[in-house]
PDB file of N, CA and C in Angstrom:
ATOM      1  N   MET A   1     -11.728   0.348 -11.115  1.00  0.00           N
ATOM      2  CA  MET A   1     -10.907   0.918 -10.068  1.00  0.00           C
ATOM      3  C   MET A   1     -11.794   1.121  -8.845  1.00  0.00           C
ATOM      4  N   THR A   2     -11.262   0.773  -7.675  1.00  0.00           N
ATOM      5  CA  THR A   2     -11.991   0.987  -6.432  1.00  0.00           C
ATOM      6  C   THR A   2     -11.196   1.924  -5.536  1.00  0.00           C
ATOM      7  N   ALA A   3     -11.913   2.688  -4.756  1.00  0.00           N
ATOM      8  CA  ALA A   3     -11.276   3.610  -3.807  1.00  0.00           C
ATOM      9  C   ALA A   3     -11.990   3.508  -2.471  1.00  0.00           C
ATOM     10  N   THR A   4     -11.212   3.515  -1.411  1.00  0.00           N
ATOM     11  CA  THR A   4     -11.749   3.479  -0.061  1.00  0.00           C
ATOM     12  C   THR A   4     -11.134   4.628   0.724  1.00  0.00           C
ATOM     13  N   ILE A   5     -11.981   5.428   1.336  1.00  0.00           N
ATOM     14  CA  ILE A   5     -11.521   6.543   2.162  1.00  0.00           C
ATOM     15  C   ILE A   5     -12.034   6.319   3.570  1.00  0.00           C
ATOM     16  N   SER A   6     -11.134   6.424   4.549  1.00  0.00           N
ATOM     17  CA  SER A   6     -11.556   6.254   5.942  1.00  0.00           C
ATOM     18  C   SER A   6     -10.838   7.268   6.820  1.00  0.00           C
ATOM     19  N   ARG A   7     -11.492   7.653   7.884  1.00  0.00           N
ATOM     20  CA  ARG A   7     -10.926   8.598   8.847  1.00  0.00           C
ATOM     21  C   ARG A   7     -10.403   7.818  10.053  1.00  0.00           C
ATOM     22  N   PHE A   8      -9.420   8.393  10.734  1.00  0.00           N
ATOM     23  CA  PHE A   8      -8.893   7.772  11.942  1.00  0.00           C
ATOM     24  C   PHE A   8      -8.562   8.857  12.955  1.00  0.00           C
ATOM     25  N   GLU A   9      -8.439   8.461  14.211  1.00  0.00           N
ATOM     26  CA  GLU A   9      -8.137   9.379  15.310  1.00  0.00           C
ATOM     27  C   GLU A   9      -6.933   8.870  16.092  1.00  0.00           C
ATOM     28  N   GLY A  10      -6.168   9.776  16.622  1.00  0.00           N
ATOM     29  CA  GLY A  10      -5.114   9.461  17.574  1.00  0.00           C
ATOM     30  C   GLY A  10      -4.074   8.447  17.147  1.00  0.00           C
ATOM     31  N   THR A  11      -3.525   8.602  15.958  1.00  0.00           N
ATOM     32  CA  THR A  11      -2.469   7.725  15.465  1.00  0.00           C
ATOM     33  C   THR A  11      -1.158   8.498  15.452  1.00  0.00           C
ATOM     34  N   LEU A  12      -0.052   7.817  15.690  1.00  0.00           N
ATOM     35  CA  LEU A  12       1.243   8.468  15.703  1.00  0.00           C
ATOM     36  C   LEU A  12       1.619   8.927  14.292  1.00  0.00           C
ATOM     37  N   ALA A  13       1.763  10.227  14.125  1.00  0.00           N
ATOM     38  CA  ALA A  13       2.134  10.819  12.836  1.00  0.00           C
ATOM     39  C   ALA A  13       3.654  10.784  12.683  1.00  0.00           C
ATOM     40  N   PRO A  14       4.166  10.979  11.466  1.00  0.00           N
ATOM     41  CA  PRO A  14       5.611  10.992  11.252  1.00  0.00           C
ATOM     42  C   PRO A  14       6.360  12.038  12.085  1.00  0.00           C
ATOM     43  N   CYS A  15       5.678  13.095  12.512  1.00  0.00           N
ATOM     44  CA  CYS A  15       6.322  14.125  13.331  1.00  0.00           C
ATOM     45  C   CYS A  15       6.483  13.687  14.787  1.00  0.00           C
ATOM     46  N   GLY A  16       5.904  12.524  15.138  1.00  0.00           N
ATOM     47  CA  GLY A  16       6.055  11.991  16.482  1.00  0.00           C
ATOM     48  C   GLY A  16       4.918  12.329  17.435  1.00  0.00           C
ATOM     49  N   LYS A  17       3.899  13.015  16.968  1.00  0.00           N
ATOM     50  CA  LYS A  17       2.753  13.374  17.811  1.00  0.00           C
ATOM     51  C   LYS A  17       1.509  12.631  17.359  1.00  0.00           C
ATOM     52  N   GLN A  18       0.549  12.511  18.253  1.00  0.00           N
ATOM     53  CA  GLN A  18      -0.714  11.844  17.954  1.00  0.00           C
ATOM     54  C   GLN A  18      -1.639  12.793  17.193  1.00  0.00           C
ATOM     55  N   HIS A  19      -2.122  12.335  16.041  1.00  0.00           N
ATOM     56  CA  HIS A  19      -3.042  13.139  15.227  1.00  0.00           C
ATOM     57  C   HIS A  19      -4.038  12.222  14.533  1.00  0.00           C
ATOM     58  N   GLY A  20      -5.181  12.759  14.208  1.00  0.00           N
ATOM     59  CA  GLY A  20      -6.145  12.064  13.373  1.00  0.00           C
ATOM     60  C   GLY A  20      -5.848  12.366  11.918  1.00  0.00           C
ATOM     61  N   GLY A  21      -6.675  11.839  11.044  1.00  0.00           N
ATOM     62  CA  GLY A  21      -6.477  12.114   9.633  1.00  0.00           C
ATOM     63  C   GLY A  21      -7.346  11.256   8.753  1.00  0.00           C
ATOM     64  N   GLU A  22      -6.904  11.070   7.524  1.00  0.00           N
ATOM     65  CA  GLU A  22      -7.681  10.354   6.524  1.00  0.00           C
ATOM     66  C   GLU A  22      -6.768   9.439   5.718  1.00  0.00           C
ATOM     67  N   GLN A  23      -7.260   8.239   5.436  1.00  0.00           N
ATOM     68  CA  GLN A  23      -6.529   7.261   4.629  1.00  0.00           C
ATOM     69  C   GLN A  23      -7.330   6.985   3.363  1.00  0.00           C
ATOM     70  N   CYS A  24      -6.658   7.021   2.226  1.00  0.00           N
ATOM     71  CA  CYS A  24      -7.295   6.751   0.940  1.00  0.00           C
ATOM     72  C   CYS A  24      -6.515   5.635   0.248  1.00  0.00           C
ATOM     73  N   VAL A  25      -7.221   4.557  -0.121  1.00  0.00           N
ATOM     74  CA  VAL A  25      -6.609   3.434  -0.824  1.00  0.00           C
ATOM     75  C   VAL A  25      -7.348   3.239  -2.142  1.00  0.00           C
ATOM     76  N   THR A  26      -6.598   3.189  -3.249  1.00  0.00           N
ATOM     77  CA  THR A  26      -7.195   2.909  -4.555  1.00  0.00           C
ATOM     78  C   THR A  26      -6.522   1.678  -5.147  1.00  0.00           C
ATOM     79  N   GLU A  27      -7.322   0.879  -5.857  1.00  0.00           N
ATOM     80  CA  GLU A  27      -6.831  -0.329  -6.519  1.00  0.00           C
ATOM     81  C   GLU A  27      -7.461  -0.427  -7.893  1.00  0.00           C
ATOM     82  N   ASP A  28      -6.677  -0.898  -8.874  1.00  0.00           N
ATOM     83  CA  ASP A  28      -7.221  -1.032 -10.222  1.00  0.00           C
ATOM     84  C   ASP A  28      -7.535  -2.482 -10.602  1.00  0.00           C
ATOM     85  N   GLN A  29      -7.458  -3.408  -9.637  1.00  0.00           N
ATOM     86  CA  GLN A  29      -7.771  -4.831  -9.836  1.00  0.00           C
ATOM     87  C   GLN A  29      -6.796  -5.544 -10.765  1.00  0.00           C
ATOM     88  N   GLU A  30      -5.726  -4.867 -11.166  1.00  0.00           N
ATOM     89  CA  GLU A  30      -4.701  -5.485 -12.012  1.00  0.00           C
ATOM     90  C   GLU A  30      -3.331  -5.414 -11.351  1.00  0.00           C
ATOM     91  N   GLY A  31      -3.301  -5.039 -10.082  1.00  0.00           N
ATOM     92  CA  GLY A  31      -2.043  -5.023  -9.356  1.00  0.00           C
ATOM     93  C   GLY A  31      -1.548  -3.660  -8.916  1.00  0.00           C
ATOM     94  N   LEU A  32      -2.176  -2.584  -9.358  1.00  0.00           N
ATOM     95  CA  LEU A  32      -1.765  -1.245  -8.951  1.00  0.00           C
ATOM     96  C   LEU A  32      -2.533  -0.853  -7.690  1.00  0.00           C
ATOM     97  N   VAL A  33      -1.799  -0.543  -6.617  1.00  0.00           N
ATOM     98  CA  VAL A  33      -2.416  -0.139  -5.355  1.00  0.00           C
ATOM     99  C   VAL A  33      -1.730   1.144  -4.896  1.00  0.00           C
ATOM    100  N   THR A  34      -2.519   2.138  -4.541  1.00  0.00           N
ATOM    101  CA  THR A  34      -2.005   3.396  -4.016  1.00  0.00           C
ATOM    102  C   THR A  34      -2.653   3.660  -2.671  1.00  0.00           C
ATOM    103  N   GLU A  35      -1.838   3.966  -1.678  1.00  0.00           N
ATOM    104  CA  GLU A  35      -2.352   4.295  -0.348  1.00  0.00           C
ATOM    105  C   GLU A  35      -1.746   5.617   0.079  1.00  0.00           C
ATOM    106  N   GLU A  36      -2.572   6.537   0.526  1.00  0.00           N
ATOM    107  CA  GLU A  36      -2.089   7.815   1.042  1.00  0.00           C
ATOM    108  C   GLU A  36      -2.742   8.077   2.388  1.00  0.00           C
ATOM    109  N   ILE A  37      -1.916   8.431   3.359  1.00  0.00           N
ATOM    110  CA  ILE A  37      -2.403   8.771   4.693  1.00  0.00           C
ATOM    111  C   ILE A  37      -2.040  10.222   4.948  1.00  0.00           C
ATOM    112  N   ALA A  38      -3.061  11.053   5.147  1.00  0.00           N
ATOM    113  CA  ALA A  38      -2.865  12.481   5.404  1.00  0.00           C
ATOM    114  C   ALA A  38      -3.282  12.776   6.842  1.00  0.00           C
ATOM    115  N   PHE A  39      -2.353  13.238   7.646  1.00  0.00           N
ATOM    116  CA  PHE A  39      -2.617  13.544   9.041  1.00  0.00           C
ATOM    117  C   PHE A  39      -3.090  14.985   9.188  1.00  0.00           C
ATOM    118  N   SER A  40      -3.833  15.271  10.247  1.00  0.00           N
ATOM    119  CA  SER A  40      -4.381  16.611  10.456  1.00  0.00           C
ATOM    120  C   SER A  40      -3.290  17.657  10.661  1.00  0.00           C
ATOM    121  N   CYS A  41      -2.086  17.248  11.064  1.00  0.00           N
ATOM    122  CA  CYS A  41      -0.983  18.190  11.265  1.00  0.00           C
ATOM    123  C   CYS A  41      -0.313  18.582   9.947  1.00  0.00           C
ATOM    124  N   GLY A  42      -0.590  17.821   8.872  1.00  0.00           N
ATOM    125  CA  GLY A  42       0.011  18.096   7.577  1.00  0.00           C
ATOM    126  C   GLY A  42       1.010  17.043   7.126  1.00  0.00           C
ATOM    127  N   CYS A  43       1.383  16.116   8.005  1.00  0.00           N
ATOM    128  CA  CYS A  43       2.272  15.021   7.612  1.00  0.00           C
ATOM    129  C   CYS A  43       1.540  14.106   6.630  1.00  0.00           C
ATOM    130  N   VAL A  44       2.296  13.491   5.708  1.00  0.00           N
ATOM    131  CA  VAL A  44       1.705  12.608   4.702  1.00  0.00           C
ATOM    132  C   VAL A  44       2.615  11.396   4.499  1.00  0.00           C
ATOM    133  N   THR A  45       2.012  10.221   4.430  1.00  0.00           N
ATOM    134  CA  THR A  45       2.747   9.035   4.008  1.00  0.00           C
ATOM    135  C   THR A  45       2.029   8.465   2.793  1.00  0.00           C
ATOM    136  N   SER A  46       2.802   7.955   1.846  1.00  0.00           N
ATOM    137  CA  SER A  46       2.186   7.367   0.663  1.00  0.00           C
ATOM    138  C   SER A  46       2.948   6.106   0.274  1.00  0.00           C
ATOM    139  N   ARG A  47       2.209   5.174  -0.302  1.00  0.00           N
ATOM    140  CA  ARG A  47       2.784   3.914  -0.766  1.00  0.00           C
ATOM    141  C   ARG A  47       2.129   3.561  -2.085  1.00  0.00           C
ATOM    142  N   GLU A  48       2.944   3.196  -3.050  1.00  0.00           N
ATOM    143  CA  GLU A  48       2.447   2.762  -4.352  1.00  0.00           C
ATOM    144  C   GLU A  48       3.027   1.387  -4.644  1.00  0.00           C
ATOM    145  N   GLU A  49       2.173   0.481  -5.071  1.00  0.00           N
ATOM    146  CA  GLU A  49       2.603  -0.838  -5.508  1.00  0.00           C
ATOM    147  C   GLU A  49       2.188  -0.962  -6.965  1.00  0.00           C
ATOM    148  N   PHE A  50       3.155  -1.196  -7.838  1.00  0.00           N
ATOM    149  CA  PHE A  50       2.913  -1.202  -9.271  1.00  0.00           C
ATOM    150  C   PHE A  50       2.656  -2.606  -9.801  1.00  0.00           C
ATOM    151  N   HIS A  51       2.193  -2.678 -11.029  1.00  0.00           N
ATOM    152  CA  HIS A  51       1.833  -3.946 -11.669  1.00  0.00           C
ATOM    153  C   HIS A  51       2.980  -4.955 -11.694  1.00  0.00           C
ATOM    154  N   ASP A  52       4.213  -4.482 -11.806  1.00  0.00           N
ATOM    155  CA  ASP A  52       5.367  -5.388 -11.882  1.00  0.00           C
ATOM    156  C   ASP A  52       5.905  -5.799 -10.513  1.00  0.00           C
ATOM    157  N   GLY A  53       5.234  -5.373  -9.442  1.00  0.00           N
ATOM    158  CA  GLY A  53       5.666  -5.714  -8.088  1.00  0.00           C
ATOM    159  C   GLY A  53       6.568  -4.682  -7.449  1.00  0.00           C
ATOM    160  N   SER A  54       6.921  -3.631  -8.172  1.00  0.00           N
ATOM    161  CA  SER A  54       7.732  -2.553  -7.608  1.00  0.00           C
ATOM    162  C   SER A  54       6.932  -1.800  -6.551  1.00  0.00           C
ATOM    163  N   HIS A  55       7.653  -1.215  -5.600  1.00  0.00           N
ATOM    164  CA  HIS A  55       7.027  -0.426  -4.539  1.00  0.00           C
ATOM    165  C   HIS A  55       7.714   0.931  -4.448  1.00  0.00           C
ATOM    166  N   HIS A  56       6.956   1.954  -4.110  1.00  0.00           N
ATOM    167  CA  HIS A  56       7.520   3.263  -3.794  1.00  0.00           C
ATOM    168  C   HIS A  56       6.847   3.734  -2.520  1.00  0.00           C
ATOM    169  N   ARG A  57       7.660   4.186  -1.564  1.00  0.00           N
ATOM    170  CA  ARG A  57       7.128   4.656  -0.290  1.00  0.00           C
ATOM    171  C   ARG A  57       7.755   6.004   0.023  1.00  0.00           C
ATOM    172  N   MET A  58       6.915   6.948   0.464  1.00  0.00           N
ATOM    173  CA  MET A  58       7.406   8.282   0.800  1.00  0.00           C
ATOM    174  C   MET A  58       6.692   8.785   2.050  1.00  0.00           C
ATOM    175  N   THR A  59       7.470   9.414   2.928  1.00  0.00           N
ATOM    176  CA  THR A  59       6.926  10.024   4.135  1.00  0.00           C
ATOM    177  C   THR A  59       7.452  11.454   4.211  1.00  0.00           C
ATOM    178  N   VAL A  60       6.527  12.404   4.377  1.00  0.00           N
ATOM    179  CA  VAL A  60       6.881  13.820   4.455  1.00  0.00           C
ATOM    180  C   VAL A  60       6.236  14.394   5.709  1.00  0.00           C
ATOM    181  N   ASP A  61       7.043  15.085   6.541  1.00  0.00           N
ATOM    182  CA  ASP A  61       6.451  15.680   7.746  1.00  0.00           C
ATOM    183  C   ASP A  61       5.746  16.996   7.414  1.00  0.00           C
ATOM    184  N   HIS A  62       5.061  17.555   8.399  1.00  0.00           N
ATOM    185  CA  HIS A  62       4.245  18.749   8.155  1.00  0.00           C
ATOM    186  C   HIS A  62       5.077  19.992   7.852  1.00  0.00           C
ATOM    187  N   ARG A  63       6.381  19.917   7.983  1.00  0.00           N
ATOM    188  CA  ARG A  63       7.259  21.042   7.614  1.00  0.00           C
ATOM    189  C   ARG A  63       7.767  20.913   6.182  1.00  0.00           C
ATOM    190  N   GLY A  64       7.394  19.804   5.524  1.00  0.00           N
ATOM    191  CA  GLY A  64       7.813  19.578   4.148  1.00  0.00           C
ATOM    192  C   GLY A  64       9.101  18.793   4.014  1.00  0.00           C
ATOM    193  N   ARG A  65       9.645  18.324   5.130  1.00  0.00           N
ATOM    194  CA  ARG A  65      10.901  17.563   5.099  1.00  0.00           C
ATOM    195  C   ARG A  65      10.608  16.104   4.744  1.00  0.00           C
ATOM    196  N   VAL A  66      11.299  15.594   3.750  1.00  0.00           N
ATOM    197  CA  VAL A  66      11.138  14.201   3.335  1.00  0.00           C
ATOM    198  C   VAL A  66      11.893  13.319   4.322  1.00  0.00           C
ATOM    199  N   LEU A  67      11.159  12.431   4.994  1.00  0.00           N
ATOM    200  CA  LEU A  67      11.760  11.536   5.976  1.00  0.00           C
ATOM    201  C   LEU A  67      12.130  10.187   5.360  1.00  0.00           C
ATOM    202  N   VAL A  68      11.302   9.719   4.430  1.00  0.00           N
ATOM    203  CA  VAL A  68      11.541   8.442   3.752  1.00  0.00           C
ATOM    204  C   VAL A  68      11.176   8.611   2.282  1.00  0.00           C
ATOM    205  N   ASP A  69      12.043   8.141   1.409  1.00  0.00           N
ATOM    206  CA  ASP A  69      11.754   8.102  -0.023  1.00  0.00           C
ATOM    207  C   ASP A  69      12.501   6.894  -0.561  1.00  0.00           C
ATOM    208  N   GLU A  70      11.811   5.775  -0.620  1.00  0.00           N
ATOM    209  CA  GLU A  70      12.480   4.550  -1.050  1.00  0.00           C
ATOM    210  C   GLU A  70      11.673   3.823  -2.110  1.00  0.00           C
ATOM    211  N   GLU A  71      12.421   3.134  -2.944  1.00  0.00           N
ATOM    212  CA  GLU A  71      11.823   2.395  -4.052  1.00  0.00           C
ATOM    213  C   GLU A  71      12.440   1.004  -4.103  1.00  0.00           C
ATOM    214  N   GLN A  72      11.587   0.001  -4.309  1.00  0.00           N
ATOM    215  CA  GLN A  72      12.056  -1.371  -4.488  1.00  0.00           C
ATOM    216  C   GLN A  72      11.581  -1.839  -5.846  1.00  0.00           C
ATOM    217  N   ARG A  73      12.499  -2.340  -6.637  1.00  0.00           N
ATOM    218  CA  ARG A  73      12.178  -2.804  -7.989  1.00  0.00           C
ATOM    219  C   ARG A  73      11.518  -4.171  -7.954  1.00  0.00           C
ATOM    220  N   GLY A  74      10.576  -4.375  -8.856  1.00  0.00           N
ATOM    221  CA  GLY A  74       9.916  -5.663  -9.017  1.00  0.00           C
ATOM    222  C   GLY A  74      10.735  -6.576  -9.901  1.00  0.00           C
ATOM    223  N   GLU A  75      10.083  -7.558 -10.450  1.00  0.00           N
ATOM    224  CA  GLU A  75      10.763  -8.554 -11.289  1.00  0.00           C
ATOM    225  C   GLU A  75      11.287  -7.982 -12.578  1.00  0.00           C
TER     226      GLU A  75
END
Protein backbone atom coordinates (compact mmCIF):
# COMPACT_ATOMS: atom_id res chain seq x y z
CA MET A 1 0.00 0.00 0.00
CA THR A 2 1.28 3.47 -0.85
CA ALA A 3 0.18 6.80 0.56
CA THR A 4 0.92 10.30 -0.65
CA ILE A 5 0.17 13.40 1.40
CA SER A 6 0.52 16.88 -0.06
CA ARG A 7 -0.42 20.38 1.02
CA PHE A 8 -2.01 23.02 -1.20
CA GLU A 9 -2.88 26.72 -0.97
CA GLY A 10 -5.68 28.86 -2.32
CA THR A 11 -8.01 26.28 -3.85
CA LEU A 12 -11.77 26.71 -4.10
CA ALA A 13 -13.35 24.76 -1.23
CA PRO A 14 -16.88 23.28 -1.37
CA CYS A 15 -18.12 26.26 0.68
CA GLY A 16 -17.18 28.55 -2.22
CA LYS A 17 -14.19 30.29 -0.61
CA GLN A 18 -10.47 29.96 -1.27
CA HIS A 19 -8.67 27.82 1.33
CA GLY A 20 -5.54 25.75 1.65
CA GLY A 21 -5.47 22.23 2.97
CA GLU A 22 -4.12 18.73 2.63
CA GLN A 23 -4.68 15.92 0.12
CA CYS A 24 -4.07 12.27 1.01
CA VAL A 25 -4.12 9.52 -1.63
CA THR A 26 -3.68 5.83 -0.79
CA GLU A 27 -3.45 2.91 -3.22
CA ASP A 28 -3.17 -0.82 -2.59
CA GLN A 29 -1.76 -1.69 -6.08
CA GLU A 30 -4.75 -3.98 -6.70
CA GLY A 31 -7.26 -1.35 -7.73
CA LEU A 32 -8.34 0.26 -4.46
CA VAL A 33 -7.71 4.03 -4.44
CA THR A 34 -8.81 6.45 -1.71
CA GLU A 35 -8.42 10.21 -1.98
CA GLU A 36 -9.36 12.67 0.75
CA ILE A 37 -9.03 16.43 0.54
CA ALA A 38 -9.35 18.32 3.83
CA PHE A 39 -9.59 22.10 3.58
CA SER A 40 -8.45 24.46 6.36
CA CYS A 41 -12.05 25.71 6.77
CA GLY A 42 -13.25 22.18 7.63
CA CYS A 43 -14.76 21.19 4.27
CA VAL A 44 -13.87 17.66 3.11
CA THR A 45 -14.14 15.82 -0.19
CA SER A 46 -13.45 12.12 -0.52
CA ARG A 47 -13.36 9.64 -3.38
CA GLU A 48 -13.02 5.88 -3.21
CA GLU A 49 -12.45 3.61 -6.19
CA PHE A 50 -12.92 -0.07 -5.39
CA HIS A 51 -11.43 -3.22 -6.90
CA ASP A 52 -14.56 -3.93 -8.97
CA GLY A 53 -14.53 -0.45 -10.55
CA SER A 54 -17.20 1.02 -8.28
CA HIS A 55 -16.78 4.62 -7.14
CA HIS A 56 -18.03 6.52 -4.10
CA ARG A 57 -17.72 10.29 -3.85
CA MET A 58 -18.72 12.50 -0.93
CA THR A 59 -18.42 16.23 -0.29
CA VAL A 60 -19.19 17.77 3.11
CA ASP A 61 -18.97 21.49 3.87
CA HIS A 62 -17.47 22.90 7.07
CA ARG A 63 -20.95 23.11 8.65
CA GLY A 64 -21.39 19.35 8.29
CA ARG A 65 -23.89 19.56 5.42
CA VAL A 66 -23.49 16.80 2.84
CA LEU A 67 -23.33 18.42 -0.60
CA VAL A 68 -22.58 15.31 -2.68
CA ASP A 69 -22.97 11.63 -1.84
CA GLU A 70 -22.96 9.49 -4.94
CA GLU A 71 -22.04 5.95 -5.81
CA GLN A 72 -21.46 4.31 -9.19
CA ARG A 73 -21.50 0.53 -9.41
CA GLY A 74 -18.73 -1.35 -11.19
CA GLU A 75 -19.07 -4.45 -13.32
